[in-house]
Amino acid sequence: MWTPIVLLCLTANLTDCIAVGGPLLLSKESCIRSIKEVGIPYFKKEHTNRVVRNYKCIQWEQNI
């Protein structure tokens, strides 16, 4: 199971950042696709004062 994490920073101050997670996904490929096709476009529209600095998918153990 995978969770997308996106790091958003204020444009004027790249040290003022937030990390936002998304829903649990079954594969790393679907997680990355979710970030690129859903997450990043949403953040660019809703958080116009922030830029996407980085993103990654975190893998969780199956027994959580």
Protein backbone atom coordinates (compact mmCIF):
# COMPACT_ATOMS: atom_id res chain seq x y z
CA MET A 1 0.00 0.00 0.00
CA TRP A 2 1.25 3.45 -0.94
CA THR A 3 0.48 7.04 0.12
CA PRO A 4 1.39 10.11 -1.94
CA ILE A 5 3.13 12.98 -0.13
CA VAL A 6 3.59 16.42 -1.73
CA LEU A 7 5.80 19.21 -0.33
CA LEU A 8 4.35 22.70 -0.97
CA CYS A 9 6.31 25.85 -0.16
CA LEU A 10 5.44 29.53 -0.25
CA THR A 11 6.78 31.16 -3.39
CA ALA A 12 8.34 34.06 -1.51
CA ASN A 13 9.87 31.93 1.25
CA LEU A 14 10.97 28.43 0.28
CA THR A 15 11.52 27.49 3.92
CA ASP A 16 7.82 27.93 4.80
CA CYS A 17 6.49 24.58 3.62
CA ILE A 18 3.70 22.10 4.27
CA ALA A 19 3.45 18.41 3.43
CA VAL A 20 0.13 17.05 2.20
CA GLY A 21 -0.80 13.39 1.90
CA GLY A 22 -3.35 11.64 -0.22
CA PRO A 23 -5.37 8.44 -0.19
CA LEU A 24 -3.94 4.95 0.14
CA LEU A 25 -3.20 3.29 -3.22
CA LEU A 26 -2.32 -0.30 -4.09
CA SER A 27 0.76 0.25 -6.27
CA LYS A 28 3.62 2.71 -6.56
CA GLU A 29 2.69 3.35 -10.19
CA SER A 30 -0.89 4.34 -9.29
CA CYS A 31 0.45 6.51 -6.46
CA ILE A 32 2.78 8.46 -8.77
CA ARG A 33 0.05 8.76 -11.39
CA SER A 34 -2.32 10.09 -8.71
CA ILE A 35 0.19 12.76 -7.69
CA LYS A 36 0.85 13.87 -11.27
CA GLU A 37 -2.72 13.71 -12.61
CA VAL A 38 -4.77 14.72 -9.56
CA GLY A 39 -2.67 16.07 -6.70
CA ILE A 40 -0.36 18.56 -8.40
CA PRO A 41 -3.08 20.11 -10.64
CA TYR A 42 -5.31 20.49 -7.57
CA PHE A 43 -2.57 22.13 -5.48
CA LYS A 44 -1.63 24.52 -8.28
CA LYS A 45 -5.27 25.65 -8.46
CA GLU A 46 -6.06 25.77 -4.72
CA HIS A 47 -2.68 26.96 -3.35
CA THR A 48 -1.64 29.63 -5.85
CA ASN A 49 0.81 31.17 -3.37
CA ARG A 50 2.71 27.86 -3.03
CA VAL A 51 4.89 25.84 -5.37
CA VAL A 52 5.36 22.09 -5.48
CA ARG A 53 8.94 21.52 -4.32
CA ASN A 54 8.93 17.73 -4.33
CA TYR A 55 6.76 14.65 -4.07
CA LYS A 56 7.16 10.98 -3.28
CA CYS A 57 5.18 7.86 -2.51
CA ILE A 58 5.58 6.17 0.86
CA GLN A 59 5.13 2.42 1.12
CA TRP A 60 3.36 0.98 4.15
CA GLU A 61 3.45 -2.56 5.48
CA GLN A 62 0.49 -4.71 4.55
CA ASN A 63 -0.25 -5.49 8.24
CA ILE A 64 -1.28 -2.07 9.52
